[in-house]
N, C-alpha and C. Protein backbone atom coordinates (compact mmCIF):
# COMPACT_ATOMS: atom_id res chain seq x y z
N MET A 1 -37.99 118.64 -26.75
CA MET A 1 -38.11 118.37 -27.88
C MET A 1 -37.15 117.97 -28.49
N ILE A 2 -37.43 116.21 -29.43
CA ILE A 2 -36.59 115.79 -29.94
C ILE A 2 -36.80 115.60 -31.50
N LYS A 3 -35.93 116.16 -32.88
CA LYS A 3 -36.77 115.76 -34.39
C LYS A 3 -35.91 114.60 -34.47
N PHE A 4 -36.69 113.12 -34.84
CA PHE A 4 -35.89 112.60 -35.38
C PHE A 4 -35.98 112.27 -37.15
N ASN A 5 -35.17 112.41 -37.81
CA ASN A 5 -35.19 112.55 -39.11
C ASN A 5 -35.31 111.36 -39.86
N TYR A 6 -36.36 111.11 -40.51
CA TYR A 6 -36.40 110.33 -41.63
C TYR A 6 -34.82 109.75 -42.78
N ILE A 7 -34.25 108.60 -42.28
CA ILE A 7 -33.63 108.44 -43.25
C ILE A 7 -33.91 108.22 -44.54
N GLU A 8 -34.98 107.30 -44.23
CA GLU A 8 -35.95 106.74 -45.59
C GLU A 8 -37.10 106.83 -45.76
N ASP A 9 -38.01 106.14 -46.58
CA ASP A 9 -39.67 106.64 -46.01
C ASP A 9 -40.02 106.27 -44.92
N GLU A 10 -40.02 107.03 -43.96
CA GLU A 10 -40.52 106.53 -41.88
C GLU A 10 -39.88 105.99 -41.47
N ILE A 11 -38.53 105.95 -42.01
CA ILE A 11 -37.66 104.91 -40.80
C ILE A 11 -36.88 106.08 -40.07
N ILE A 12 -35.96 106.07 -38.77
CA ILE A 12 -35.24 106.61 -37.93
C ILE A 12 -34.54 105.61 -37.62
N ASP A 13 -33.28 106.81 -37.40
CA ASP A 13 -32.22 105.81 -36.75
C ASP A 13 -32.55 105.66 -35.11
N SER A 14 -32.10 104.52 -34.78
CA SER A 14 -32.30 104.46 -33.31
C SER A 14 -31.63 105.14 -32.10
N PRO A 15 -32.49 106.05 -31.64
CA PRO A 15 -31.10 107.14 -30.42
C PRO A 15 -30.58 106.19 -29.83
N HIS A 16 -30.96 105.25 -29.26
CA HIS A 16 -30.29 103.82 -28.36
C HIS A 16 -30.12 102.66 -28.95
N TYR A 17 -28.65 102.43 -29.62
CA TYR A 17 -28.67 101.71 -29.89
C TYR A 17 -27.25 101.08 -29.87
N GLU A 18 -26.63 99.83 -29.13
CA GLU A 18 -25.59 99.06 -29.13
C GLU A 18 -25.22 98.03 -30.11
N SER A 19 -24.11 98.64 -30.36
CA SER A 19 -23.34 97.91 -31.82
C SER A 19 -22.66 96.30 -31.73
N HIS A 20 -22.22 96.28 -30.45
CA HIS A 20 -21.61 95.40 -29.21
C HIS A 20 -22.15 94.08 -30.09
N TYR A 21 -21.74 92.51 -30.11
CA TYR A 21 -22.34 91.77 -30.33
C TYR A 21 -23.14 91.08 -29.17
N ARG A 22 -22.17 91.31 -28.35
CA ARG A 22 -23.31 91.69 -26.59
C ARG A 22 -24.58 92.45 -26.90
N GLY A 23 -24.84 93.60 -27.55
CA GLY A 23 -25.87 94.40 -27.43
C GLY A 23 -26.93 93.56 -27.51
N ARG A 24 -28.15 94.30 -26.60
CA ARG A 24 -29.52 93.75 -27.08
C ARG A 24 -30.36 95.55 -27.32
N ASN A 25 -30.90 94.92 -28.33
CA ASN A 25 -32.22 96.20 -29.07
C ASN A 25 -32.92 96.29 -29.21
N TRP A 26 -33.96 97.18 -28.89
CA TRP A 26 -34.82 97.09 -29.23
C TRP A 26 -35.57 98.11 -29.36
N ALA A 27 -36.80 98.16 -30.09
CA ALA A 27 -37.75 99.48 -30.26
C ALA A 27 -39.38 99.18 -30.00
N CYS A 28 -40.11 99.99 -29.55
CA CYS A 28 -41.40 99.85 -29.19
C CYS A 28 -42.38 100.38 -28.86
N LYS A 29 -43.65 100.40 -28.73
CA LYS A 29 -44.77 101.26 -28.12
C LYS A 29 -45.17 100.36 -27.48
N ILE A 30 -45.47 101.50 -26.24
CA ILE A 30 -45.91 101.12 -25.01
C ILE A 30 -47.35 101.69 -24.84
N SER A 31 -48.18 100.88 -24.18
CA SER A 31 -49.63 101.61 -23.81
C SER A 31 -49.62 100.62 -22.43
N GLY A 32 -50.81 101.38 -21.53
CA GLY A 32 -51.57 100.62 -20.56
C GLY A 32 -51.46 102.37 -19.43
N LYS A 33 -52.13 101.29 -18.21
CA LYS A 33 -52.46 102.06 -17.23
C LYS A 33 -50.99 103.34 -16.65
N ASN A 34 -49.89 102.58 -15.95
CA ASN A 34 -48.90 102.80 -15.71
C ASN A 34 -47.91 101.82 -15.77
N SER A 35 -46.76 101.78 -14.91
CA SER A 35 -45.55 101.34 -14.99
C SER A 35 -45.42 100.18 -14.54
N VAL A 36 -46.34 99.99 -14.24
CA VAL A 36 -46.69 98.02 -13.16
C VAL A 36 -47.52 97.48 -14.61
N ASN A 37 -48.74 98.10 -15.11
CA ASN A 37 -49.34 97.53 -16.06
C ASN A 37 -49.31 97.95 -17.09
N PHE A 38 -48.42 97.26 -18.28
CA PHE A 38 -48.11 97.83 -19.58
C PHE A 38 -47.80 97.13 -20.42
N LYS A 39 -47.86 97.65 -21.30
CA LYS A 39 -47.48 96.19 -22.85
C LYS A 39 -46.80 96.83 -23.64
N ARG A 40 -46.11 96.05 -24.48
CA ARG A 40 -44.89 96.74 -25.63
C ARG A 40 -45.37 95.74 -26.68
N GLU A 41 -45.47 96.58 -27.53
CA GLU A 41 -45.75 96.76 -29.02
C GLU A 41 -44.29 96.70 -29.99
N ASN A 42 -43.56 95.55 -30.02
CA ASN A 42 -42.03 95.36 -30.72
C ASN A 42 -42.57 96.73 -32.53
N LEU A 43 -41.31 97.27 -32.99
CA LEU A 43 -41.82 98.25 -34.02
C LEU A 43 -40.41 97.37 -35.06
N GLN A 44 -41.21 97.54 -36.08
CA GLN A 44 -40.21 96.65 -37.33
C GLN A 44 -38.78 97.16 -37.25
N ARG A 45 -37.89 96.44 -37.04
CA ARG A 45 -36.21 96.80 -36.88
C ARG A 45 -35.69 96.36 -37.79
N ARG A 46 -34.18 96.97 -38.04
CA ARG A 46 -32.82 96.41 -38.83
C ARG A 46 -32.23 96.84 -38.57
N GLY A 47 -31.29 96.58 -37.72
CA GLY A 47 -29.91 97.27 -36.83
C GLY A 47 -30.02 98.47 -36.49
N ALA A 48 -29.63 99.49 -36.43
CA ALA A 48 -29.78 100.76 -35.82
C ALA A 48 -31.28 101.22 -36.41
N SER A 49 -31.90 100.94 -37.67
CA SER A 49 -32.68 101.56 -38.42
C SER A 49 -34.46 101.04 -37.55
N VAL A 50 -35.29 101.81 -37.85
CA VAL A 50 -36.74 101.63 -36.82
C VAL A 50 -37.53 102.26 -37.93
N SER A 51 -38.68 101.40 -38.42
CA SER A 51 -39.85 102.41 -39.04
C SER A 51 -40.81 102.59 -37.75
N VAL A 52 -41.10 103.66 -38.43
CA VAL A 52 -42.36 104.53 -37.64
C VAL A 52 -43.20 104.30 -38.17
N GLU A 53 -42.99 103.60 -39.32
CA GLU A 53 -44.64 103.72 -40.02
C GLU A 53 -46.24 104.01 -39.64
N ASN A 54 -46.18 103.02 -38.57
CA ASN A 54 -47.75 103.72 -37.92
C ASN A 54 -47.43 103.86 -36.93
N VAL A 55 -46.65 105.01 -36.71
CA VAL A 55 -46.47 105.58 -35.44
C VAL A 55 -47.38 107.15 -35.07
N ILE A 56 -48.41 107.23 -34.31
CA ILE A 56 -49.03 108.67 -34.32
C ILE A 56 -49.28 109.35 -33.12
N ILE A 57 -49.53 110.64 -33.80
CA ILE A 57 -49.46 111.59 -32.63
C ILE A 57 -50.07 110.94 -31.18
N GLY A 58 -49.20 111.05 -30.18
CA GLY A 58 -49.73 110.39 -29.07
C GLY A 58 -49.17 109.24 -28.47
N ASP A 59 -48.53 108.14 -29.54
CA ASP A 59 -48.03 107.09 -28.81
C ASP A 59 -46.76 107.23 -28.04
N ALA A 60 -46.18 106.49 -26.96
CA ALA A 60 -45.43 105.97 -26.32
C ALA A 60 -44.39 105.14 -26.93
N LEU A 61 -43.22 106.07 -26.53
CA LEU A 61 -42.27 104.81 -27.49
C LEU A 61 -40.56 104.90 -26.98
N GLU A 62 -40.74 103.61 -26.89
CA GLU A 62 -39.15 103.36 -25.92
C GLU A 62 -38.75 102.46 -27.04
N PHE A 63 -37.24 102.90 -27.02
CA PHE A 63 -36.09 102.52 -27.97
C PHE A 63 -34.70 101.85 -26.35
N GLY A 64 -34.62 100.79 -26.65
CA GLY A 64 -33.37 100.28 -25.69
C GLY A 64 -31.97 99.90 -26.15
N GLY A 65 -30.84 99.96 -25.67
CA GLY A 65 -29.76 99.44 -26.67
C GLY A 65 -28.85 99.27 -25.40
N ASP A 66 -28.74 97.86 -25.19
CA ASP A 66 -28.25 97.70 -23.24
C ASP A 66 -26.94 96.89 -23.84
N TYR A 67 -25.96 96.90 -23.35
CA TYR A 67 -24.56 96.49 -23.49
C TYR A 67 -24.35 95.31 -22.19
N ILE A 68 -24.14 94.10 -22.44
CA ILE A 68 -24.00 93.03 -21.32
C ILE A 68 -22.59 92.66 -21.25
N SER A 69 -22.28 92.82 -20.20
CA SER A 69 -20.98 92.04 -20.39
C SER A 69 -20.61 91.10 -20.16
N GLY A 70 -19.55 90.46 -20.51
CA GLY A 70 -18.91 89.03 -20.64
C GLY A 70 -19.19 88.14 -18.98
N GLY A 71 -19.31 88.84 -17.77
CA GLY A 71 -19.70 88.81 -16.74
C GLY A 71 -21.08 88.69 -16.34
N GLY A 72 -22.12 88.93 -17.59
CA GLY A 72 -23.46 89.22 -17.45
C GLY A 72 -24.19 90.58 -16.98
N SER A 73 -23.53 91.16 -16.20
CA SER A 73 -23.56 92.58 -16.08
C SER A 73 -24.19 93.31 -17.46
N ARG A 74 -25.68 94.40 -16.41
CA ARG A 74 -26.05 95.24 -18.18
C ARG A 74 -25.65 96.44 -17.64
N THR A 75 -25.37 97.25 -18.95
CA THR A 75 -25.05 98.64 -18.67
C THR A 75 -26.60 99.09 -19.41
N PRO A 76 -27.40 99.55 -19.06
CA PRO A 76 -28.75 100.04 -20.10
C PRO A 76 -28.25 101.54 -20.52
N ASP A 77 -29.05 101.09 -22.05
CA ASP A 77 -29.09 103.01 -22.77
C ASP A 77 -30.57 102.86 -23.12
N ARG A 78 -31.33 103.29 -22.22
CA ARG A 78 -32.79 103.77 -22.79
C ARG A 78 -33.44 104.79 -22.86
N GLY A 79 -33.87 104.94 -23.66
CA GLY A 79 -34.93 105.99 -23.94
C GLY A 79 -36.73 106.06 -24.27
N TYR A 80 -37.34 107.07 -23.81
CA TYR A 80 -38.52 106.97 -23.68
C TYR A 80 -39.24 108.34 -24.03
N TYR A 81 -40.40 108.13 -25.37
CA TYR A 81 -40.86 109.40 -25.82
C TYR A 81 -41.97 109.43 -26.18
N LEU A 82 -42.55 110.51 -26.22
CA LEU A 82 -43.89 110.81 -26.69
C LEU A 82 -43.83 111.10 -27.79
N VAL A 83 -44.41 110.98 -29.02
CA VAL A 83 -44.74 111.75 -29.53
C VAL A 83 -46.05 112.31 -29.68
N LYS A 84 -45.17 113.97 -30.41
CA LYS A 84 -46.10 114.98 -30.24
C LYS A 84 -46.56 115.60 -31.81
N GLU A 85 -45.67 115.33 -32.86
CA GLU A 85 -45.96 115.66 -34.18
C GLU A 85 -45.54 114.54 -35.10
N VAL A 86 -46.14 114.04 -36.06
CA VAL A 86 -45.39 113.59 -37.52
C VAL A 86 -45.22 114.29 -38.49
N LEU A 87 -44.56 114.57 -39.18
CA LEU A 87 -43.88 115.41 -40.33
C LEU A 87 -43.92 114.78 -41.12
N THR A 88 -43.85 115.30 -42.89
CA THR A 88 -43.45 114.27 -43.64
C THR A 88 -41.78 113.73 -43.50
N ASP A 89 -41.43 114.89 -42.99
CA ASP A 89 -39.62 114.71 -42.91
C ASP A 89 -38.77 113.87 -41.72
N GLY A 90 -40.10 113.91 -40.70
CA GLY A 90 -39.45 113.11 -39.06
C GLY A 90 -40.27 113.03 -38.76
N ILE A 91 -40.41 112.67 -36.84
CA ILE A 91 -41.31 112.82 -36.12
C ILE A 91 -40.64 113.92 -34.76
N ILE A 92 -41.59 114.37 -34.09
CA ILE A 92 -41.14 115.28 -33.33
C ILE A 92 -41.81 114.80 -31.80
N CYS A 93 -40.94 114.57 -30.78
CA CYS A 93 -41.01 113.77 -29.54
C CYS A 93 -40.53 114.42 -28.44
N GLU A 94 -41.21 114.44 -27.15
CA GLU A 94 -40.90 114.47 -25.73
C GLU A 94 -40.09 113.51 -25.11
N SER A 95 -39.42 113.81 -24.73
CA SER A 95 -38.55 112.69 -23.70
C SER A 95 -38.67 112.72 -22.09
N TYR A 96 -39.07 111.17 -21.90
CA TYR A 96 -39.32 111.63 -20.63
C TYR A 96 -37.78 110.52 -19.75
N GLU A 97 -38.13 110.71 -19.10
CA GLU A 97 -36.88 109.72 -17.97
C GLU A 97 -37.18 108.03 -17.58
N THR A 98 -38.51 107.78 -16.96
CA THR A 98 -38.62 106.56 -17.11
C THR A 98 -40.33 106.39 -17.70
N ILE A 99 -40.39 104.79 -17.77
CA ILE A 99 -41.87 104.57 -18.12
C ILE A 99 -43.06 105.04 -17.82
N ALA A 100 -43.06 105.75 -16.52
CA ALA A 100 -44.07 106.01 -15.50
C ALA A 100 -44.26 107.21 -16.03
N LYS A 101 -43.48 108.38 -16.25
CA LYS A 101 -43.51 109.36 -16.60
C LYS A 101 -44.04 109.97 -17.97
N LEU A 102 -43.19 108.93 -18.78
CA LEU A 102 -43.74 108.40 -19.97
C LEU A 102 -45.61 108.48 -19.64
N LEU A 103 -45.87 107.27 -19.34
CA LEU A 103 -47.72 106.85 -19.20
C LEU A 103 -47.96 107.75 -18.71
N LYS A 104 -47.67 108.55 -17.86
CA LYS A 104 -48.70 109.84 -17.35
C LYS A 104 -48.70 110.92 -18.41
N ALA A 105 -47.88 110.95 -18.78
CA ALA A 105 -47.81 111.80 -19.86
C ALA A 105 -48.62 111.60 -20.74
N LYS A 106 -48.90 110.36 -21.42
CA LYS A 106 -49.44 109.75 -22.64
C LYS A 106 -51.29 109.85 -22.15
N ASN A 107 -51.29 109.28 -21.13
CA ASN A 107 -52.61 109.17 -20.53
C ASN A 107 -53.32 110.75 -20.03
N ASN A 108 -52.43 111.84 -20.12
CA ASN A 108 -52.98 113.12 -19.60
C ASN A 108 -53.32 113.34 -20.83
N LEU A 109 -52.59 113.22 -22.01
CA LEU A 109 -52.82 113.89 -23.40
C LEU A 109 -53.93 113.07 -23.75
N ASN A 110 -54.56 112.24 -23.74
CA ASN A 110 -55.66 111.48 -24.14
C ASN A 110 -56.65 111.56 -23.37
N LYS A 111 -56.85 112.54 -22.34
CA LYS A 111 -57.79 113.02 -21.28
C LYS A 111 -59.14 113.59 -22.33
């Protein structure tokens, strides 16, 4: 379990962030049956800060901060998290290695 503390009202620092100008960053909720049929809903983000205002228990989150070299090759840095608790000072999540494992856990939780 990982706790992401709020740095401001319902805002956390992204655990996967690339600060280089060629970096590509995102934060989103994931929903769907499996890793083939899923949908991303972007979370509001500014720099490394991510708003988790509308996040509830059972939400699947993806954070990414990929570095792209001058030659175009991508070095991925991604994390997949299932929200277990929403507290007054942060959120507690369980970490998964892939979207497939995350969605399986999310869908089993909602049965």
